[in-house]
Protein backbone atom coordinates (compact mmCIF):
# COMPACT_ATOMS: atom_id res chain seq x y z
CA UNK A 1 -17.70 -76.40 -78.27
CA UNK A 2 -16.48 -74.49 -81.43
CA UNK A 3 -13.00 -73.23 -80.88
CA UNK A 4 -10.83 -71.48 -83.00
CA UNK A 5 -7.07 -70.55 -83.01
CA UNK A 6 -6.44 -67.14 -82.01
CA UNK A 7 -6.05 -64.93 -84.76
CA UNK A 8 -4.62 -62.03 -83.10
CA UNK A 9 -0.89 -61.63 -82.10
CA UNK A 10 -0.50 -60.62 -78.72
CA UNK A 11 2.40 -59.28 -77.21
CA UNK A 12 4.36 -62.20 -75.08
CA UNK A 13 3.49 -60.64 -71.65
CA UNK A 14 6.97 -58.06 -71.65
CA UNK A 15 5.10 -55.61 -70.17
CA UNK A 16 5.65 -55.78 -65.77
CA UNK A 17 2.95 -56.65 -63.29
CA UNK A 18 3.23 -53.10 -61.94
CA UNK A 19 2.55 -51.58 -65.09
CA UNK A 20 0.08 -53.06 -66.19
CA UNK A 21 -2.06 -52.95 -62.81
CA UNK A 22 -1.65 -49.31 -62.65
CA UNK A 23 -2.71 -48.98 -66.48
CA UNK A 24 -5.88 -51.10 -64.95
CA UNK A 25 -5.92 -48.79 -62.11
CA UNK A 26 -5.57 -45.18 -64.05
CA UNK A 27 -8.43 -46.56 -67.09
CA UNK A 28 -10.63 -47.82 -64.99
CA UNK A 29 -10.25 -45.13 -61.99
CA UNK A 30 -11.19 -42.81 -65.47
CA UNK A 31 -14.20 -44.96 -66.67
CA UNK A 32 -15.39 -45.19 -63.00
CA UNK A 33 -15.97 -41.63 -62.77
CA UNK A 34 -17.64 -41.01 -66.55
CA UNK A 35 -19.58 -43.19 -65.06
CA UNK A 36 -20.25 -42.51 -61.35
CA UNK A 37 -20.79 -38.20 -62.37
CA UNK A 38 -23.81 -39.04 -64.41
CA UNK A 39 -25.77 -40.89 -60.96
CA UNK A 40 -23.84 -38.30 -58.40
CA UNK A 41 -25.39 -34.99 -60.34
CA UNK A 42 -28.88 -36.90 -61.52
CA UNK A 43 -30.74 -35.62 -58.69
CA UNK A 44 -29.28 -31.95 -58.27
CA UNK A 45 -29.34 -31.11 -61.76
CA UNK A 46 -30.31 -33.72 -64.57
CA UNK A 47 -33.41 -33.97 -62.90
CA UNK A 48 -34.67 -30.34 -63.17
CA UNK A 49 -32.59 -29.44 -66.55
CA UNK A 50 -34.23 -32.60 -68.66
CA UNK A 51 -36.92 -33.92 -66.62
CA UNK A 52 -38.76 -31.37 -65.40
CA UNK A 53 -42.03 -31.95 -63.69
CA UNK A 54 -44.32 -30.20 -61.67
CA UNK A 55 -43.72 -33.37 -59.28
CA UNK A 56 -40.65 -32.78 -58.11
CA UNK A 57 -40.61 -37.17 -57.55
CA UNK A 58 -41.79 -37.97 -61.16
CA UNK A 59 -38.64 -35.62 -62.20
CA UNK A 60 -36.72 -37.43 -60.01
CA UNK A 61 -38.00 -40.81 -61.07
CA UNK A 62 -37.46 -39.91 -64.22
CA UNK A 63 -34.41 -38.98 -64.76
CA UNK A 64 -33.41 -42.44 -62.30
CA UNK A 65 -35.00 -44.51 -65.39
CA UNK A 66 -32.46 -43.07 -67.32
CA UNK A 67 -30.02 -43.36 -65.56
CA UNK A 68 -31.05 -46.70 -65.22
CA UNK A 69 -30.50 -47.00 -69.03
CA UNK A 70 -26.56 -47.56 -69.12
CA UNK A 71 -27.21 -50.38 -66.86
CA UNK A 72 -30.10 -52.68 -69.00
CA UNK A 73 -27.64 -51.60 -71.75
CA UNK A 74 -24.19 -52.72 -69.70
CA UNK A 75 -24.44 -56.43 -70.30
CA UNK A 76 -24.92 -55.38 -74.76
CA UNK A 77 -21.20 -54.32 -73.87
CA UNK A 78 -20.52 -57.14 -71.61
CA UNK A 79 -21.10 -59.76 -74.95
CA UNK A 80 -19.40 -57.31 -77.00
CA UNK A 81 -16.05 -56.18 -75.95
CA UNK A 82 -16.24 -60.52 -73.93
CA UNK A 83 -16.56 -61.73 -76.94
CA UNK A 84 -13.27 -59.56 -78.54
CA UNK A 85 -11.05 -59.90 -75.34
CA UNK A 86 -11.74 -63.59 -75.75
CA UNK A 87 -11.11 -64.16 -78.98
CA UNK A 88 -8.28 -61.38 -79.79
CA UNK A 89 -6.87 -60.54 -76.12
CA UNK A 90 -7.77 -58.50 -73.72
CA UNK A 91 -5.86 -55.23 -74.30
CA UNK A 92 -7.45 -54.14 -77.28
CA UNK A 93 -11.45 -54.40 -75.90
CA UNK A 94 -10.04 -52.24 -73.06
CA UNK A 95 -8.69 -48.87 -75.24
CA UNK A 96 -12.11 -49.35 -76.95
CA UNK A 97 -13.75 -49.09 -74.28
CA UNK A 98 -12.47 -46.26 -72.47
CA UNK A 99 -12.56 -44.18 -75.60
CA UNK A 100 -16.26 -44.89 -76.13
CA UNK A 101 -17.15 -44.08 -72.46
CA UNK A 102 -14.91 -40.60 -72.99
CA UNK A 103 -16.57 -39.56 -75.74
CA UNK A 104 -20.30 -40.04 -74.48
CA UNK A 105 -19.38 -38.37 -71.16
CA UNK A 106 -17.78 -35.72 -73.11
CA UNK A 107 -20.58 -34.76 -75.30
CA UNK A 108 -23.88 -35.18 -72.33
CA UNK A 109 -21.58 -32.12 -71.34
CA UNK A 110 -22.48 -29.97 -74.55
CA UNK A 111 -26.66 -31.01 -74.32
CA UNK A 112 -29.01 -28.66 -74.24
CA UNK A 113 -31.10 -28.76 -71.59
CA UNK A 114 -34.87 -29.31 -71.89
CA UNK A 115 -35.72 -25.48 -71.93
CA UNK A 116 -34.05 -25.13 -75.13
CA UNK A 117 -34.58 -28.67 -76.93
CA UNK A 118 -37.55 -29.96 -75.60
CA UNK A 119 -38.00 -33.42 -75.73
CA UNK A 120 -34.94 -33.98 -77.72
CA UNK A 121 -32.69 -33.33 -75.03
CA UNK A 122 -33.82 -36.15 -72.91
CA UNK A 123 -33.87 -38.37 -75.25
CA UNK A 124 -30.17 -37.65 -76.35
CA UNK A 125 -29.32 -37.58 -72.40
CA UNK A 126 -30.57 -41.22 -72.39
CA UNK A 127 -29.10 -42.33 -76.06
CA UNK A 128 -25.29 -41.05 -74.32
CA UNK A 129 -26.42 -42.42 -70.90
CA UNK A 130 -26.25 -46.24 -73.36
CA UNK A 131 -23.11 -45.43 -75.04
CA UNK A 132 -21.63 -45.05 -71.46
CA UNK A 133 -23.52 -48.04 -70.07
CA UNK A 134 -22.45 -50.64 -72.76
CA UNK A 135 -19.01 -49.01 -72.41
CA UNK A 136 -19.01 -49.58 -68.77
CA UNK A 137 -20.08 -53.47 -70.16
CA UNK A 138 -16.69 -54.49 -71.47
CA UNK A 139 -14.61 -52.42 -69.09
CA UNK A 140 -14.38 -54.19 -65.65
CA UNK A 141 -14.58 -57.83 -66.48
CA UNK A 142 -11.43 -56.85 -69.10
CA UNK A 143 -9.43 -54.48 -66.93
CA UNK A 144 -9.70 -57.64 -64.23
CA UNK A 145 -8.20 -60.08 -65.78
CA UNK A 146 -5.52 -58.00 -67.47
CA UNK A 147 -4.78 -57.77 -63.96
CA UNK A 148 -4.76 -61.21 -62.86
CA UNK A 149 -3.44 -62.63 -65.86
CA UNK A 150 -0.02 -61.45 -65.28
CA UNK A 151 0.42 -62.55 -61.63
CA UNK A 152 0.73 -66.38 -60.32
CA UNK A 153 -2.32 -67.62 -58.77
CA UNK A 154 -1.88 -67.17 -55.04
CA UNK A 155 -0.93 -63.28 -55.94
CA UNK A 156 -4.47 -62.99 -57.78
CA UNK A 157 -7.05 -61.22 -54.84
CA UNK A 158 -4.50 -58.60 -54.58
CA UNK A 159 -3.85 -57.32 -58.24
CA UNK A 160 -7.52 -58.03 -58.47
CA UNK A 161 -8.58 -55.13 -55.44
CA UNK A 162 -6.23 -52.87 -56.63
CA UNK A 163 -7.82 -52.73 -59.88
CA UNK A 164 -11.41 -52.21 -58.06
CA UNK A 165 -9.24 -49.62 -56.40
CA UNK A 166 -10.41 -47.26 -59.55
CA UNK A 167 -14.16 -47.42 -58.28
CA UNK A 168 -13.52 -45.60 -55.17
CA UNK A 169 -10.66 -43.27 -57.29
CA UNK A 170 -13.61 -42.74 -59.75
CA UNK A 171 -16.27 -41.66 -56.47
CA UNK A 172 -13.68 -39.39 -55.38
CA UNK A 173 -13.15 -37.64 -58.98
CA UNK A 174 -16.69 -37.25 -59.42
CA UNK A 175 -18.35 -36.23 -56.10
CA UNK A 176 -14.86 -34.07 -55.95
CA UNK A 177 -15.77 -32.42 -59.02
CA UNK A 178 -19.77 -32.36 -58.33
CA UNK A 179 -18.43 -30.36 -55.25
CA UNK A 180 -16.43 -27.84 -56.72
CA UNK A 181 -18.81 -26.69 -58.98
CA UNK A 182 -21.68 -26.62 -56.01
CA UNK A 183 -19.86 -23.95 -55.08
CA UNK A 184 -21.34 -21.63 -57.19
CA UNK A 185 -24.46 -19.82 -57.01
CA UNK A 186 -27.17 -22.34 -57.91
CA UNK A 187 -27.70 -20.21 -60.92
CA UNK A 188 -24.33 -20.56 -62.26
CA UNK A 189 -24.26 -24.00 -61.13
CA UNK A 190 -27.75 -24.73 -63.33
CA UNK A 191 -26.64 -22.98 -66.21
CA UNK A 192 -23.39 -23.63 -67.18
CA UNK A 193 -21.47 -25.17 -63.46
CA UNK A 194 -22.90 -28.58 -64.11
CA UNK A 195 -21.36 -29.35 -67.38
CA UNK A 196 -17.57 -28.61 -66.60
CA UNK A 197 -17.09 -32.17 -64.86
CA UNK A 198 -18.88 -33.85 -68.15
CA UNK A 199 -16.15 -31.69 -70.61
CA UNK A 200 -13.42 -32.26 -68.29
CA UNK A 201 -13.76 -35.82 -69.34
CA UNK A 202 -12.18 -35.53 -72.73
CA UNK A 203 -8.59 -34.74 -70.60
CA UNK A 204 -8.67 -38.17 -68.16
CA UNK A 205 -9.40 -40.43 -70.70
CA UNK A 206 -6.60 -39.40 -73.05
CA UNK A 207 -4.30 -40.04 -70.36
CA UNK A 208 -5.83 -43.59 -70.24
CA UNK A 209 -5.65 -44.18 -73.84
CA UNK A 210 -2.16 -42.86 -73.58
CA UNK A 211 -1.52 -45.64 -70.93
CA UNK A 212 -2.87 -48.21 -72.16
CA UNK A 213 -1.72 -48.34 -76.16
CA UNK A 214 1.85 -48.73 -74.23
CA UNK A 215 1.23 -52.31 -72.79
CA UNK A 216 0.55 -55.53 -74.01
CA UNK A 217 -1.52 -58.78 -74.08
CA UNK A 218 -1.06 -61.16 -71.20
CA UNK A 219 0.79 -64.08 -70.77
CA UNK A 220 -2.02 -66.14 -69.51
CA UNK A 221 -3.82 -65.54 -72.32
CA UNK A 222 -1.00 -65.52 -75.07
CA UNK A 223 -0.92 -68.93 -73.59
CA UNK A 224 -4.21 -70.62 -73.55
CA UNK A 225 -4.94 -69.28 -77.26
CA UNK A 226 -1.58 -70.89 -78.00
CA UNK A 227 -2.43 -73.63 -76.59
CA UNK A 228 -6.15 -74.58 -77.07
CA UNK A 229 -6.94 -72.04 -79.25
CA UNK A 230 -10.40 -69.40 -78.58
CA UNK A 231 -13.55 -69.32 -78.37
CA UNK A 232 -15.99 -68.31 -81.60
CA UNK A 233 -18.84 -67.22 -79.20
CA UNK A 234 -17.60 -67.23 -75.91
CA UNK A 235 -21.34 -65.48 -74.67
CA UNK A 236 -23.09 -68.37 -76.37
CA UNK A 237 -21.05 -70.68 -74.87
CA UNK A 238 -21.43 -69.25 -71.71
CA UNK A 239 -25.23 -69.26 -71.75
CA UNK A 240 -25.38 -72.65 -73.30
CA UNK A 241 -22.59 -74.64 -71.82
CA UNK A 242 -22.57 -72.86 -68.05
CA UNK A 243 -25.84 -71.52 -66.83
CA UNK A 244 -25.92 -72.00 -63.52
CA UNK A 245 -21.77 -69.98 -63.30
CA UNK A 246 -23.24 -67.25 -64.72
CA UNK A 247 -26.05 -66.75 -62.50
CA UNK A 248 -24.02 -67.75 -59.26
CA UNK A 249 -21.39 -65.09 -60.95
CA UNK A 250 -24.89 -62.45 -61.23
CA UNK A 251 -25.61 -62.78 -57.60
CA UNK A 252 -21.96 -63.24 -56.39
CA UNK A 253 -21.66 -59.27 -57.47
CA UNK A 254 -25.11 -58.19 -56.29
CA UNK A 255 -23.60 -55.96 -53.47
CA UNK A 256 -21.10 -54.14 -55.21
CA UNK A 257 -23.26 -53.24 -57.86
CA UNK A 258 -26.54 -52.53 -56.25
CA UNK A 259 -26.22 -52.00 -53.23
CA UNK A 260 -23.56 -49.96 -54.04
CA UNK A 261 -25.99 -47.69 -56.27
CA UNK A 262 -28.90 -47.78 -53.48
CA UNK A 263 -25.74 -46.30 -50.86
CA UNK A 264 -24.84 -43.54 -53.35
CA UNK A 265 -27.56 -42.50 -56.24
CA UNK A 266 -30.55 -43.25 -54.24
CA UNK A 267 -29.03 -42.12 -50.69
CA UNK A 268 -27.98 -38.78 -52.45
CA UNK A 269 -31.59 -38.03 -53.11
CA UNK A 270 -33.17 -39.43 -50.10
CA UNK A 271 -30.52 -36.70 -47.75
CA UNK A 272 -31.08 -33.38 -50.39
CA UNK A 273 -35.03 -34.17 -50.98
CA UNK A 274 -36.47 -36.48 -48.08
CA UNK A 275 -34.50 -35.51 -45.68
CA UNK A 276 -34.05 -32.17 -46.43
CA UNK A 277 -30.30 -31.46 -45.60
CA UNK A 278 -27.66 -29.80 -47.94
CA UNK A 279 -25.96 -31.66 -50.44
CA UNK A 280 -22.61 -31.12 -49.46
CA UNK A 281 -23.69 -32.89 -46.40
CA UNK A 282 -24.11 -36.61 -48.36
CA UNK A 283 -21.38 -35.62 -50.72
CA UNK A 284 -19.18 -34.78 -47.90
CA UNK A 285 -20.30 -38.09 -46.64
CA UNK A 286 -19.42 -40.07 -49.62
CA UNK A 287 -16.09 -38.91 -50.44
CA UNK A 288 -15.32 -40.24 -46.64
CA UNK A 289 -16.76 -43.46 -47.51
CA UNK A 290 -15.40 -43.69 -50.96
CA UNK A 291 -11.59 -43.27 -48.52
CA UNK A 292 -13.27 -45.73 -46.23
CA UNK A 293 -13.64 -48.54 -49.86
CA UNK A 294 -9.76 -48.02 -50.81
CA UNK A 295 -8.59 -49.27 -47.69
CA UNK A 296 -11.31 -52.20 -47.16
CA UNK A 297 -10.57 -53.17 -50.62
CA UNK A 298 -6.90 -53.48 -50.42
CA UNK A 299 -7.25 -54.55 -47.09
CA UNK A 300 -9.80 -57.45 -48.73
CA UNK A 301 -6.98 -58.10 -51.61
CA UNK A 302 -4.63 -58.43 -48.85
CA UNK A 303 -6.75 -60.72 -46.69
CA UNK A 304 -7.27 -62.53 -50.06
CA UNK A 305 -3.90 -63.70 -50.54
CA UNK A 306 -4.00 -65.62 -47.11
CA UNK A 307 -7.48 -66.89 -46.52
CA UNK A 308 -8.96 -67.35 -50.31
CA UNK A 309 -10.66 -64.71 -52.72
CA UNK A 310 -13.76 -66.77 -51.24
CA UNK A 311 -13.92 -66.74 -47.42
CA UNK A 312 -13.13 -62.06 -47.83
CA UNK A 313 -16.18 -62.11 -49.71
CA UNK A 314 -18.46 -64.49 -47.05
CA UNK A 315 -16.80 -62.19 -44.29
CA UNK A 316 -17.42 -59.22 -46.28
CA UNK A 317 -21.55 -59.79 -47.40
CA UNK A 318 -22.29 -61.16 -43.94
CA UNK A 319 -21.35 -58.31 -42.49
CA UNK A 320 -22.68 -56.11 -45.06
CA UNK A 321 -26.73 -57.84 -43.73
CA UNK A 322 -25.66 -56.87 -40.25
CA UNK A 323 -24.92 -53.13 -40.82
CA UNK A 324 -27.73 -51.86 -43.83
CA UNK A 325 -30.18 -51.29 -41.15
CA UNK A 326 -27.64 -49.39 -38.64
CA UNK A 327 -26.71 -47.79 -41.24
CA UNK A 328 -29.75 -45.77 -42.44
CA UNK A 329 -30.26 -45.67 -38.92
CA UNK A 330 -27.22 -42.90 -38.46
CA UNK A 331 -28.62 -41.38 -41.90
CA UNK A 332 -32.44 -40.68 -40.44
CA UNK A 333 -30.75 -38.88 -37.38
CA UNK A 334 -29.76 -36.01 -39.50
CA UNK A 335 -26.79 -35.48 -38.09
CA UNK A 336 -23.64 -34.30 -40.40
CA UNK A 337 -21.04 -36.11 -38.21
CA UNK A 338 -23.36 -39.53 -38.69
CA UNK A 339 -24.15 -39.48 -41.81
CA UNK A 340 -19.90 -39.34 -42.38
CA UNK A 341 -20.10 -42.67 -40.43
CA UNK A 342 -22.99 -44.35 -42.09
CA UNK A 343 -21.18 -43.81 -45.32
CA UNK A 344 -18.42 -45.46 -43.91
CA UNK A 345 -20.29 -48.16 -42.79
CA UNK A 346 -21.75 -48.66 -46.64
CA UNK A 347 -19.15 -48.35 -48.50
CA UNK A 348 -16.35 -49.66 -46.55
CA UNK A 349 -17.90 -52.44 -44.92
CA UNK A 350 -19.61 -52.98 -48.25
CA UNK A 351 -16.51 -53.19 -50.07
CA UNK A 352 -14.64 -56.08 -48.90
CA UNK A 353 -16.20 -58.53 -50.85
CA UNK A 354 -16.13 -56.21 -53.53
CA UNK A 355 -12.38 -55.95 -53.17
CA UNK A 356 -11.89 -59.57 -54.38
CA UNK A 357 -14.96 -60.59 -56.11
CA UNK A 358 -12.94 -60.60 -59.35
CA UNK A 359 -11.12 -63.14 -57.96
CA UNK A 360 -13.38 -65.35 -56.61
CA UNK A 361 -15.09 -65.08 -60.86
CA UNK A 362 -11.74 -65.84 -62.13
CA UNK A 363 -12.58 -69.11 -60.15
CA UNK A 364 -15.82 -69.92 -62.12
CA UNK A 365 -14.56 -70.18 -65.80
CA UNK A 366 -11.67 -71.23 -68.18
CA UNK A 367 -9.66 -69.09 -69.38
CA UNK A 368 -10.99 -68.97 -72.84
CA UNK A 369 -14.23 -67.95 -70.94
CA UNK A 370 -13.21 -65.18 -68.02
CA UNK A 371 -13.96 -62.21 -70.16
CA UNK A 372 -17.18 -63.55 -71.31
CA UNK A 373 -17.43 -64.68 -67.69
CA UNK A 374 -16.70 -62.00 -65.51
CA UNK A 375 -18.39 -59.44 -67.69
CA UNK A 376 -21.72 -61.09 -68.25
CA UNK A 377 -21.92 -61.69 -63.96
CA UNK A 378 -21.33 -58.02 -63.54
CA UNK A 379 -23.03 -56.56 -66.08
CA UNK A 380 -26.35 -58.78 -65.99
CA UNK A 381 -26.30 -57.75 -61.41
CA UNK A 382 -26.12 -54.53 -63.30
CA UNK A 383 -29.51 -54.04 -64.47
CA UNK A 384 -30.48 -54.75 -61.09
CA UNK A 385 -28.56 -52.72 -59.63
CA UNK A 386 -29.28 -49.99 -62.74
CA UNK A 387 -32.99 -49.88 -61.26
CA UNK A 388 -32.38 -49.90 -57.27
CA UNK A 389 -32.60 -45.70 -57.35
CA UNK A 390 -35.55 -45.40 -58.91
CA UNK A 391 -37.19 -48.97 -56.84
CA UNK A 392 -36.31 -47.57 -53.47
CA UNK A 393 -37.12 -44.45 -54.41
CA UNK A 394 -40.64 -46.53 -55.16
CA UNK A 395 -40.64 -48.51 -52.23
CA UNK A 396 -39.71 -45.90 -50.01
CA UNK A 397 -42.75 -43.77 -50.96
CA UNK A 398 -44.18 -46.86 -50.22
CA UNK A 399 -43.51 -46.83 -46.85
CA UNK A 400 -45.15 -43.41 -45.92
CA UNK A 401 -40.69 -41.82 -46.14
CA UNK A 402 -39.48 -44.03 -43.66
CA UNK A 403 -36.34 -45.60 -44.26
CA UNK A 404 -36.84 -48.99 -43.62
CA UNK A 405 -38.38 -50.23 -46.59
CA UNK A 406 -35.43 -48.94 -48.68
CA UNK A 407 -33.38 -50.63 -46.24
CA UNK A 408 -35.14 -54.18 -46.49
CA UNK A 409 -34.19 -53.53 -50.21
CA UNK A 410 -30.82 -53.38 -48.95
CA UNK A 411 -31.05 -56.56 -46.87
CA UNK A 412 -32.58 -58.39 -49.96
CA UNK A 413 -29.14 -58.11 -52.16
CA UNK A 414 -27.00 -58.65 -49.32
CA UNK A 415 -28.76 -62.12 -49.05
CA UNK A 416 -28.41 -62.74 -52.38
CA UNK A 417 -24.90 -62.12 -52.91
CA UNK A 418 -24.49 -64.27 -49.42
CA UNK A 419 -26.05 -66.97 -51.49
CA UNK A 420 -23.82 -66.44 -54.72
CA UNK A 421 -20.25 -66.55 -52.57
CA UNK A 422 -21.45 -70.27 -50.85
CA UNK A 423 -22.37 -71.75 -54.26
CA UNK A 424 -20.01 -70.50 -55.89
CA UNK A 425 -17.57 -72.04 -53.18
CA UNK A 426 -19.72 -75.63 -53.70
CA UNK A 427 -18.43 -75.01 -57.70
CA UNK A 428 -14.76 -74.68 -56.93
CA UNK A 429 -14.88 -77.68 -54.39
CA UNK A 430 -16.21 -80.04 -56.65
CA UNK A 431 -13.79 -78.38 -59.71
CA UNK A 432 -11.05 -79.30 -56.77
CA UNK A 433 -12.29 -82.77 -55.91
CA UNK A 434 -11.96 -83.50 -60.25
CA UNK A 435 -8.94 -82.29 -60.81
CA UNK A 436 -9.93 -79.57 -63.16
CA UNK A 437 -9.77 -75.38 -63.29
CA UNK A 438 -13.47 -75.69 -64.78
CA UNK A 439 -15.97 -77.88 -65.23
CA UNK A 440 -17.14 -76.13 -68.10
CA UNK A 441 -17.33 -78.48 -71.11
CA UNK A 442 -14.53 -78.25 -73.16
CA UNK A 443 -13.92 -80.60 -76.59
CA UNK A 444 -10.41 -80.71 -77.21
CA UNK A 445 -8.88 -80.14 -80.58
CA UNK A 446 -5.38 -80.08 -81.93
CA UNK A 447 -5.85 -75.91 -82.76
CA UNK A 448 -3.07 -76.09 -85.11
CA UNK A 449 -5.39 -78.40 -87.63
CA UNK A 450 -8.23 -76.17 -86.62
CA UNK A 451 -6.62 -73.11 -87.59
CA UNK A 452 -5.72 -74.11 -91.25
CA UNK A 453 -9.28 -75.32 -91.92
CA UNK A 454 -10.26 -71.47 -90.83
């Protein structure tokens, strides 16, 4: 492993943990608002406006493929921002991610539709969606580390869970914005109303950037960079020296990515197109589900400080597996109240593990590779998540529009994450027996001497 001394001049970690976790939370919430907004709008606005087709299913699949493009791009963002986050520090990378996301989302709101620009419209939409994916690829891992690396190990699960609350807040903001513009007439909504939530992104991101600029680098990164130096090629070192840990991280995160988008983006199209219910029914359910997610995430963080994040994640995933079919049964009832409870189960129970997954993955990787490790774990699983609405739509058609098809898909996701957490537990136990933080091979060296040669 070739490592060099840190080239950045990070702060001394003088910012308070409260200020840092607040900055991470607000920035992450704004970023997820932009990212989730696209998913929420896909079935009800972007599909008919940018991918018109005689067959509504074909139009929807085309729009979902554009939605999926961001997930393919997310590992690219993970490599780029993980590289700079592990070499130069967490703070600078996070400022760039939120700026990039805000620019992409604002431009989506200004795009011409297929009616006025033809094939150029979906091409531009997909290109901006890819830009969103690159930005998101560097966001979560850095924001989570920024919060956790300011506190002692025992408090890390709670700090990680607070950052995760940014996801349901982003969901609430995006679904709330869509619900507000959905009050317009159908013609007004499809003519100009759908643009407003995207254009509002520029104001939200400005706040996030202002807050992130004011914080300093994390003390854990500073100490590691000074004592051991930083990795030259973090992503390459992960792939070559710790491929098993990276794949384990992907599996452990899968429900948080693939499960989430199956029960949000796909469920919107399932309820509105397959079940024929008004869109406000599922938007209301998702709003209550996001509230349940906030409660579940914070509870998981608190519980993680007492019994450990890995145990919490395992309990959460087992409960998720048990709830998959009941969730679809409730939705299939077509009862608005039952659909609300279904979304509370899906996003509440399904988020117990999500609340502590950052602290779980933190145990898999050493400090000098953590940004890249968390980012790649989360975003490689995101590739699967990005195609989940498309895959679920195809499976639904193959099952004769019966919900057992998508339910089996969700079940497979849950079982995969259970296995991922069990393997993580094995890695951590083995590291503890060896008395080291992580068994990822490290070539010991004198950072000062190496810096002199650089």
